[in-house]
């Protein structure tokens, strides 16, 4: 699981001018999986809570890239 998400992160960074330097540990991978699962549902949405710097935006960007969606 970690290897696959890390490959997606490397693909994202290769095509982006603003690279994300993330450390993918098990909890972060679990959150990415949850966000991807929510995005696949019809009209799927989620409210992500956490303190500043916890990675909500970065994990969401990675999840949308993994799901082949456009983030705006």
C-alpha atoms as a PDB file:
ATOM      1  CA  UNK A   1       0.000   0.000   0.000  1.00  0.00           C
ATOM      2  CA  UNK A   2       2.721   2.474   0.954  1.00  0.00           C
ATOM      3  CA  UNK A   3       4.746   1.633  -2.151  1.00  0.00           C
ATOM      4  CA  UNK A   4       1.783   2.222  -4.486  1.00  0.00           C
ATOM      5  CA  UNK A   5       0.885   5.585  -2.897  1.00  0.00           C
ATOM      6  CA  UNK A   6       4.546   6.635  -2.997  1.00  0.00           C
ATOM      7  CA  UNK A   7       4.596   5.865  -6.733  1.00  0.00           C
ATOM      8  CA  UNK A   8       1.555   8.099  -7.235  1.00  0.00           C
ATOM      9  CA  UNK A   9       3.294  10.826  -5.211  1.00  0.00           C
ATOM     10  CA  UNK A  10       6.384  10.587  -7.424  1.00  0.00           C
ATOM     11  CA  UNK A  11       4.182  10.776 -10.547  1.00  0.00           C
ATOM     12  CA  UNK A  12       2.415  13.837  -9.124  1.00  0.00           C
ATOM     13  CA  UNK A  13       5.710  15.544  -8.309  1.00  0.00           C
ATOM     14  CA  UNK A  14       7.160  14.842 -11.754  1.00  0.00           C
ATOM     15  CA  UNK A  15       4.296  16.697 -13.452  1.00  0.00           C
ATOM     16  CA  UNK A  16       3.946  19.541 -10.968  1.00  0.00           C
ATOM     17  CA  UNK A  17       6.002  22.694 -10.593  1.00  0.00           C
ATOM     18  CA  UNK A  18       5.216  22.804  -6.848  1.00  0.00           C
ATOM     19  CA  UNK A  19       6.406  19.479  -5.490  1.00  0.00           C
ATOM     20  CA  UNK A  20       4.998  17.986  -2.309  1.00  0.00           C
ATOM     21  CA  UNK A  21       7.516  16.467   0.056  1.00  0.00           C
ATOM     22  CA  UNK A  22       5.377  14.043   2.027  1.00  0.00           C
ATOM     23  CA  UNK A  23       6.375  11.201   4.286  1.00  0.00           C
ATOM     24  CA  UNK A  24       3.867   8.438   3.701  1.00  0.00           C
ATOM     25  CA  UNK A  25       3.449   6.564   6.980  1.00  0.00           C
ATOM     26  CA  UNK A  26       0.578   4.146   7.674  1.00  0.00           C
ATOM     27  CA  UNK A  27      -1.840   6.709   9.127  1.00  0.00           C
ATOM     28  CA  UNK A  28      -1.317   9.050   6.159  1.00  0.00           C
ATOM     29  CA  UNK A  29      -1.910   6.154   3.751  1.00  0.00           C
ATOM     30  CA  UNK A  30      -5.114   5.281   5.601  1.00  0.00           C
ATOM     31  CA  UNK A  31      -6.335   8.869   5.224  1.00  0.00           C
ATOM     32  CA  UNK A  32      -5.485   8.906   1.502  1.00  0.00           C
ATOM     33  CA  UNK A  33      -7.417   5.665   1.054  1.00  0.00           C
ATOM     34  CA  UNK A  34     -10.429   7.092   2.878  1.00  0.00           C
ATOM     35  CA  UNK A  35     -10.410  10.269   0.789  1.00  0.00           C
ATOM     36  CA  UNK A  36     -10.134   8.249  -2.449  1.00  0.00           C
ATOM     37  CA  UNK A  37     -13.034   6.034  -1.375  1.00  0.00           C
ATOM     38  CA  UNK A  38     -15.180   9.088  -0.598  1.00  0.00           C
ATOM     39  CA  UNK A  39     -14.351  10.692  -3.962  1.00  0.00           C
ATOM     40  CA  UNK A  40     -15.420   7.554  -5.847  1.00  0.00           C
ATOM     41  CA  UNK A  41     -18.923   7.700  -4.364  1.00  0.00           C
ATOM     42  CA  UNK A  42     -21.631   9.557  -6.269  1.00  0.00           C
ATOM     43  CA  UNK A  43     -21.803  13.108  -4.881  1.00  0.00           C
ATOM     44  CA  UNK A  44     -19.113  12.118  -2.383  1.00  0.00           C
ATOM     45  CA  UNK A  45     -17.876  14.860  -0.097  1.00  0.00           C
ATOM     46  CA  UNK A  46     -16.068  15.079   3.196  1.00  0.00           C
ATOM     47  CA  UNK A  47     -15.199  17.622   5.838  1.00  0.00           C
ATOM     48  CA  UNK A  48     -11.557  17.217   6.829  1.00  0.00           C
ATOM     49  CA  UNK A  49     -10.697  18.417  10.318  1.00  0.00           C
ATOM     50  CA  UNK A  50      -7.296  18.936  11.838  1.00  0.00           C
ATOM     51  CA  UNK A  51      -4.821  21.498  13.067  1.00  0.00           C
ATOM     52  CA  UNK A  52      -2.792  23.569  10.639  1.00  0.00           C
ATOM     53  CA  UNK A  53       0.077  21.684   9.071  1.00  0.00           C
ATOM     54  CA  UNK A  54      -1.527  18.269   9.463  1.00  0.00           C
ATOM     55  CA  UNK A  55      -1.558  17.625   5.697  1.00  0.00           C
ATOM     56  CA  UNK A  56      -5.264  17.899   4.860  1.00  0.00           C
ATOM     57  CA  UNK A  57      -4.692  19.851   1.648  1.00  0.00           C
ATOM     58  CA  UNK A  58      -1.705  17.794   0.502  1.00  0.00           C
ATOM     59  CA  UNK A  59      -3.441  14.461   1.063  1.00  0.00           C
ATOM     60  CA  UNK A  60      -6.515  15.752  -0.760  1.00  0.00           C
ATOM     61  CA  UNK A  61      -4.405  16.851  -3.738  1.00  0.00           C
ATOM     62  CA  UNK A  62      -2.750  13.447  -3.850  1.00  0.00           C
ATOM     63  CA  UNK A  63      -6.109  11.659  -3.586  1.00  0.00           C
ATOM     64  CA  UNK A  64      -7.624  13.658  -6.440  1.00  0.00           C
ATOM     65  CA  UNK A  65      -4.563  12.909  -8.574  1.00  0.00           C
ATOM     66  CA  UNK A  66      -4.875   9.202  -7.791  1.00  0.00           C
ATOM     67  CA  UNK A  67      -8.581   9.273  -8.743  1.00  0.00           C
ATOM     68  CA  UNK A  68      -7.861  11.154 -12.032  1.00  0.00           C
ATOM     69  CA  UNK A  69     -10.013  14.111 -10.990  1.00  0.00           C
ATOM     70  CA  UNK A  70      -9.431  17.819 -11.492  1.00  0.00           C
ATOM     71  CA  UNK A  71      -8.905  19.873  -8.345  1.00  0.00           C
ATOM     72  CA  UNK A  72     -10.111  23.463  -8.471  1.00  0.00           C
END
